[in-house]
Protein backbone atom coordinates (compact mmCIF):
# COMPACT_ATOMS: atom_id res chain seq x y z
CA MET A 1 -60.27 37.58 -18.10
CA SER A 2 -56.82 38.78 -19.17
CA ARG A 3 -53.73 36.77 -18.35
CA THR A 4 -52.41 39.35 -15.90
CA VAL A 5 -51.41 39.67 -12.27
CA ILE A 6 -51.97 43.23 -11.08
CA VAL A 7 -50.29 44.74 -8.03
CA GLY A 8 -51.15 48.06 -6.43
CA LEU A 9 -47.87 49.93 -5.99
CA ASP A 10 -47.44 53.18 -4.04
CA GLY A 11 -43.74 52.94 -3.21
CA SER A 12 -44.26 51.82 0.40
CA PRO A 13 -42.33 48.82 1.80
CA GLU A 14 -45.54 46.78 1.96
CA SER A 15 -46.43 47.48 -1.68
CA ARG A 16 -42.87 46.60 -2.75
CA ALA A 17 -43.15 43.27 -0.90
CA ALA A 18 -46.45 42.72 -2.71
CA ALA A 19 -44.76 43.44 -6.05
CA GLU A 20 -42.02 40.88 -5.33
CA TRP A 21 -44.65 38.26 -4.44
CA ALA A 22 -46.69 39.16 -7.52
CA ALA A 23 -43.61 38.77 -9.74
CA ARG A 24 -42.99 35.28 -8.40
CA GLU A 25 -46.66 34.43 -8.90
CA ALA A 26 -46.65 35.76 -12.46
CA ILE A 27 -43.69 33.49 -13.23
CA LEU A 28 -45.49 30.49 -11.70
CA ARG A 29 -48.53 31.24 -13.85
CA GLY A 30 -46.54 32.21 -16.95
CA ILE A 31 -48.39 35.51 -17.35
CA THR A 32 -47.80 39.27 -17.37
CA LEU A 33 -47.30 41.37 -14.26
CA LYS A 34 -48.79 44.86 -14.28
CA LEU A 35 -47.80 47.48 -11.70
CA VAL A 36 -50.62 49.95 -11.12
CA ASN A 37 -49.83 53.20 -9.35
CA VAL A 38 -52.87 55.19 -8.26
CA TRP A 39 -52.18 58.89 -8.28
CA GLU A 40 -54.62 60.87 -6.17
CA PRO A 41 -54.59 64.51 -7.32
CA VAL A 42 -53.92 66.97 -4.49
CA PRO A 43 -56.58 69.53 -3.50
CA GLU A 44 -56.38 72.80 -5.43
CA PRO A 45 -54.95 74.94 -2.57
CA MET A 46 -52.10 72.44 -2.09
CA ALA A 47 -51.51 72.22 -5.83
CA GLN A 48 -50.76 75.96 -5.87
CA ALA A 49 -47.85 75.56 -3.42
CA PRO A 50 -44.56 76.20 -5.27
CA LEU A 51 -42.84 73.00 -4.05
CA LEU A 52 -45.93 70.80 -4.03
CA GLY A 53 -47.57 71.42 -7.38
CA ALA A 54 -49.84 68.77 -8.89
CA GLU A 55 -47.54 68.29 -11.90
CA THR A 56 -44.50 67.83 -9.64
CA LEU A 57 -46.27 65.21 -7.54
CA GLN A 58 -47.51 63.35 -10.59
CA HIS A 59 -44.03 63.35 -12.15
CA TRP A 60 -42.54 62.02 -8.88
CA SER A 61 -45.18 59.31 -8.58
CA GLN A 62 -44.54 58.20 -12.18
CA ARG A 63 -41.04 57.20 -11.10
CA ILE A 64 -42.41 54.67 -8.59
CA PRO A 65 -43.75 52.05 -11.05
CA ARG A 66 -41.01 52.72 -13.61
CA GLU A 67 -38.15 52.16 -11.17
CA ALA A 68 -39.94 49.24 -9.51
CA ALA A 69 -40.42 47.56 -12.90
CA GLU A 70 -36.72 47.92 -13.69
CA GLY A 71 -35.77 46.29 -10.40
CA LEU A 72 -38.25 43.44 -10.80
CA ARG A 73 -36.92 42.62 -14.28
CA LEU A 74 -33.41 42.38 -12.84
CA ARG A 75 -34.41 40.20 -9.85
CA HIS A 76 -36.88 38.02 -11.76
CA PRO A 77 -35.43 37.35 -15.22
CA GLY A 78 -38.05 36.47 -17.75
CA VAL A 79 -40.98 38.18 -16.05
CA ASP A 80 -43.00 40.42 -18.38
CA VAL A 81 -43.67 43.67 -16.49
CA THR A 82 -45.87 46.55 -17.59
CA THR A 83 -46.83 49.71 -15.72
CA GLN A 84 -49.87 51.93 -15.50
CA GLN A 85 -50.66 55.12 -13.63
CA VAL A 86 -54.29 55.93 -12.91
CA ALA A 87 -55.77 59.00 -11.24
CA GLY A 88 -58.37 58.55 -8.52
CA ARG A 89 -58.87 56.92 -5.14
CA ALA A 90 -57.15 53.56 -4.68
CA GLY A 91 -60.18 51.91 -3.06
CA GLU A 92 -62.23 52.66 -6.16
CA VAL A 93 -59.60 52.51 -8.92
CA LEU A 94 -57.88 49.20 -8.11
CA PRO A 95 -60.98 46.95 -8.20
CA ASP A 96 -61.92 48.50 -11.54
CA ALA A 97 -58.38 48.18 -12.93
CA ALA A 98 -58.32 44.48 -11.99
CA LYS A 99 -61.82 43.50 -13.11
CA ASP A 100 -60.41 41.44 -16.01
CA ALA A 101 -57.24 40.24 -14.26
CA GLU A 102 -56.51 36.80 -12.86
CA LEU A 103 -55.29 38.21 -9.58
CA LEU A 104 -54.90 41.49 -7.69
CA VAL A 105 -52.09 41.77 -5.12
CA LEU A 106 -51.90 44.32 -2.31
CA GLY A 107 -49.40 45.01 0.43
CA SER A 108 -50.23 45.24 4.11
CA ARG A 109 -48.19 46.46 7.03
CA GLY A 110 -47.00 43.73 9.37
CA LEU A 111 -47.53 43.99 13.11
CA GLY A 112 -44.12 42.48 13.78
CA GLY A 113 -42.99 38.90 14.34
CA VAL A 114 -45.99 36.63 13.94
CA GLY A 115 -48.47 39.41 14.67
CA GLY A 116 -50.20 39.28 11.31
CA PHE A 117 -51.43 42.11 9.09
CA MET A 118 -52.63 45.63 9.61
CA VAL A 119 -55.30 45.95 6.93
CA GLY A 120 -56.51 49.52 6.47
CA SER A 121 -59.83 50.76 5.17
CA VAL A 122 -58.55 51.00 1.59
CA GLY A 123 -57.33 47.39 1.62
CA LEU A 124 -60.59 46.12 3.09
CA SER A 125 -62.59 48.08 0.54
CA VAL A 126 -60.56 46.64 -2.35
CA VAL A 127 -60.90 43.10 -0.99
CA ALA A 128 -64.64 43.58 -0.56
CA HIS A 129 -65.32 44.94 -4.04
CA ALA A 130 -62.78 43.32 -6.38
CA GLU A 131 -64.27 40.81 -8.81
CA CYS A 132 -61.08 38.75 -9.00
CA PRO A 133 -59.17 37.02 -6.18
CA VAL A 134 -57.14 39.43 -4.03
CA VAL A 135 -53.90 38.46 -2.26
CA LEU A 136 -52.65 40.40 0.78
CA VAL A 137 -48.88 40.28 1.32
CA ARG A 138 -47.28 41.45 4.54
CA ALA A 139 -44.41 43.94 4.53
CA GLY A 140 -41.14 42.09 4.92
CA GLU A 141 -42.42 38.92 3.23
CA GLN A 142 -39.51 37.01 1.68
CA ALA A 143 -39.53 34.23 -0.90
CA ALA A 144 -37.94 31.86 1.61
CA ASP A 145 -40.84 32.39 4.03
CA GLU A 146 -43.08 30.34 1.74
CA HIS A 147 -40.74 27.37 1.70
CA MET A 148 -39.81 24.59 4.10
CA ARG A 149 -36.56 24.67 6.01
CA ASP A 150 -33.37 23.31 4.51
CA PRO A 151 -31.31 20.57 6.24
CA ALA A 152 -29.68 23.27 8.39
CA GLY A 153 -33.09 24.36 9.67
CA ILE A 154 -33.14 27.63 7.73
CA PRO A 155 -36.05 28.62 5.41
CA SER A 156 -34.77 28.46 1.85
CA ALA A 157 -36.33 29.34 -1.50
CA ALA A 158 -34.52 26.27 -2.87
CA ALA A 159 -36.54 23.98 -0.57
CA PRO A 160 -40.06 22.72 -1.42
CA PHE A 161 -43.01 25.03 -0.87
CA GLN A 162 -44.99 24.79 2.33
CA PRO A 163 -48.63 23.69 1.92
CA VAL A 164 -51.44 25.83 0.60
CA VAL A 165 -54.01 26.17 3.41
CA LEU A 166 -57.68 26.22 2.41
CA GLY A 167 -60.50 27.26 4.72
CA LEU A 168 -63.61 25.30 3.74
CA ASP A 169 -67.23 25.30 4.90
CA THR A 170 -68.78 21.96 3.96
CA ASP A 171 -72.30 23.41 4.19
CA SER A 172 -71.56 25.73 1.27
CA PRO A 173 -68.45 24.56 -0.60
CA HIS A 174 -67.74 26.79 -3.60
CA GLU A 175 -65.94 25.49 -6.64
CA ALA A 176 -64.10 28.75 -7.35
CA LEU A 177 -62.55 28.71 -3.88
CA ILE A 178 -61.54 25.05 -3.94
CA GLU A 179 -60.18 25.20 -7.48
CA PHE A 180 -58.08 28.27 -6.67
CA ALA A 181 -56.41 26.44 -3.77
CA PHE A 182 -55.78 23.23 -5.70
CA ARG A 183 -54.32 25.08 -8.69
CA ALA A 184 -52.10 27.15 -6.39
CA ALA A 185 -50.83 23.94 -4.78
CA ALA A 186 -50.28 22.27 -8.16
CA ARG A 187 -48.21 25.24 -9.39
CA ARG A 188 -46.10 25.00 -6.23
CA ALA A 189 -45.85 21.19 -6.29
CA THR A 190 -47.08 21.11 -2.71
CA ALA A 191 -50.04 19.83 -0.68
CA VAL A 192 -53.41 21.37 0.11
CA HIS A 193 -54.07 21.52 3.85
CA VAL A 194 -57.85 21.80 4.19
CA ILE A 195 -59.15 23.36 7.40
CA HIS A 196 -62.73 22.73 8.48
CA GLY A 197 -63.80 24.18 11.83
CA TRP A 198 -67.33 23.41 12.92
CA ASN A 199 -69.77 24.13 15.72
CA LEU A 200 -72.86 22.33 16.97
CA PRO A 201 -76.38 23.75 16.75
CA ALA A 202 -77.39 26.00 19.63
CA TYR A 203 -79.66 23.36 21.18
CA TYR A 204 -76.57 21.19 21.79
CA THR A 205 -75.05 23.77 24.14
CA TYR A 206 -76.35 22.30 27.35
CA ARG A 207 -75.58 18.76 26.23
CA VAL A 208 -71.97 19.73 25.53
CA ALA A 209 -71.77 21.37 28.94
CA ALA A 210 -73.10 18.14 30.42
CA GLY A 211 -70.34 16.14 28.78
CA LEU A 212 -71.81 15.18 25.39
CA ASP A 213 -69.59 12.80 23.45
CA LEU A 214 -68.46 14.63 20.29
CA HIS A 215 -67.20 11.47 18.61
CA GLU A 216 -70.29 10.88 16.45
CA PRO A 217 -70.71 14.47 15.16
CA ALA A 218 -66.96 14.62 14.54
CA LEU A 219 -67.20 11.51 12.33
CA ARG A 220 -70.09 13.05 10.40
CA GLN A 221 -68.20 16.30 9.83
CA ALA A 222 -65.05 14.47 8.70
CA ALA A 223 -67.10 12.34 6.31
CA ALA A 224 -68.78 15.43 4.86
CA LEU A 225 -65.39 17.05 4.30
CA ALA A 226 -64.02 13.93 2.61
CA GLU A 227 -67.04 13.80 0.30
CA VAL A 228 -66.65 17.44 -0.75
CA LEU A 229 -62.97 16.89 -1.55
CA ARG A 230 -63.37 13.53 -3.32
CA PRO A 231 -63.89 14.95 -6.86
CA TRP A 232 -61.02 17.41 -6.37
CA ARG A 233 -58.66 14.62 -5.38
CA GLU A 234 -59.62 12.92 -8.64
CA LYS A 235 -59.21 16.11 -10.68
CA PHE A 236 -55.77 16.85 -9.16
CA PRO A 237 -54.29 13.40 -8.53
CA ASP A 238 -50.76 14.77 -8.11
CA VAL A 239 -51.76 17.12 -5.27
CA ASP A 240 -51.58 15.64 -1.79
CA VAL A 241 -54.51 16.58 0.44
CA VAL A 242 -54.40 16.86 4.22
CA GLU A 243 -57.84 17.10 5.84
CA GLU A 244 -58.32 18.66 9.27
CA SER A 245 -61.81 18.83 10.78
CA HIS A 246 -62.31 19.90 14.39
CA PHE A 247 -64.91 21.27 16.78
CA ASN A 248 -63.22 24.66 16.88
CA SER A 249 -63.23 28.18 15.51
CA PRO A 250 -62.34 28.15 11.78
CA ALA A 251 -60.52 31.47 12.14
CA THR A 252 -58.40 30.20 15.02
CA MET A 253 -57.47 27.06 13.09
CA LEU A 254 -56.60 28.99 9.93
CA VAL A 255 -54.43 31.52 11.74
CA GLU A 256 -52.56 28.70 13.47
CA ALA A 257 -52.11 26.81 10.18
CA SER A 258 -50.84 29.98 8.45
CA ARG A 259 -47.58 29.70 10.40
CA GLU A 260 -46.57 26.78 8.18
CA ALA A 261 -48.20 27.76 4.89
CA SER A 262 -47.06 29.25 1.61
CA LEU A 263 -50.55 30.71 1.05
CA VAL A 264 -53.85 30.80 2.92
CA VAL A 265 -57.01 30.69 0.78
CA VAL A 266 -60.35 31.92 2.10
CA GLY A 267 -63.61 32.96 0.49
CA ARG A 268 -65.78 36.04 0.28
CA ARG A 269 -69.42 35.94 -0.70
CA VAL A 270 -70.19 38.43 -3.46
CA ARG A 271 -72.78 40.99 -2.40
CA ARG A 272 -74.11 43.41 -4.98
CA SER A 273 -74.64 46.28 -2.53
CA PRO A 274 -72.16 49.14 -3.16
CA PHE A 275 -72.08 49.99 0.54
CA GLY A 276 -69.82 48.52 3.19
CA ALA A 277 -66.97 46.04 3.21
CA HIS A 278 -68.68 42.65 3.31
CA ILE A 279 -65.98 40.03 3.72
CA GLY A 280 -67.30 37.85 6.54
CA PRO A 281 -65.97 37.38 10.10
CA VAL A 282 -63.68 34.42 9.40
CA THR A 283 -62.01 36.07 6.41
CA HIS A 284 -61.76 39.35 8.32
CA ALA A 285 -59.98 37.61 11.22
CA VAL A 286 -57.63 35.72 8.90
CA LEU A 287 -56.71 38.91 7.04
CA HIS A 288 -55.69 40.58 10.27
CA HIS A 289 -53.88 37.72 11.99
CA ALA A 290 -52.50 35.24 9.44
CA THR A 291 -48.74 35.29 8.97
CA ALA A 292 -48.64 33.95 5.40
CA PRO A 293 -49.98 35.71 2.30
CA VAL A 294 -53.78 35.46 2.19
CA ALA A 295 -55.85 34.99 -0.98
CA VAL A 296 -59.49 36.09 -0.77
CA VAL A 297 -61.55 34.43 -3.50
CA PRO A 298 -64.97 35.93 -4.33
CA HIS A 299 -67.83 33.54 -4.93
CA ASP A 300 -71.63 33.65 -5.31
């Protein structure tokens, strides 16, 4: 794995927001930022048009990463920025370009206000097939959005970071997912807010309808969560941990928690099939509705 944060840059507002986030992340990690522009050659009939030739389009697209890199160096002094232009389809090229990177960052159009993301087919395909963690950043994302409010009640990049939110399934806790969240929190000197939503087995349905007391299963679920997190508390003693375990939809809880988060961390099970975008229903819902940047961490 190379010490690099890669961002897919096409010149759109959402990809520029992703580049700004990626620059801040590269500084936190102390590593290089690489801007990758995917140039998709135009079909031959279009390439023959006098004002839309393939060489003209490629030359124009080469300006995107070059000018973006210049701006990032000015706004983020000390960040090491490199650029690369690759021909092909973004959904195929970006996962391959980032296979040895620490992180791949993509932009996503916002739906306005707290409406979450609009994740297109290319973004979903990249998330589903990338071998490294992928972060989705909404258009319009500002550095201050990741921080708590200042004494005047205004979000400020000078204030402490908001927590890192981690979605965790205690039945199959994966080290790569948990470690990513704890390291992200440690770099930000903030807490990890662990979300665990759980449901009862199907045969409990009628008992719940009849007024089953959920106190005992709730205690068991909370104890299981505490046990999973115990070694991570010991490994990261300086990171505060907030545990939240409820009889509720994990996706609903994560989307709600994203409103006061610097980053939301969810998992994706690696599937070796080359077909389809297999990211799981909870991660899919979080990608579309969370209001903070979302990191999708692949795991076995």
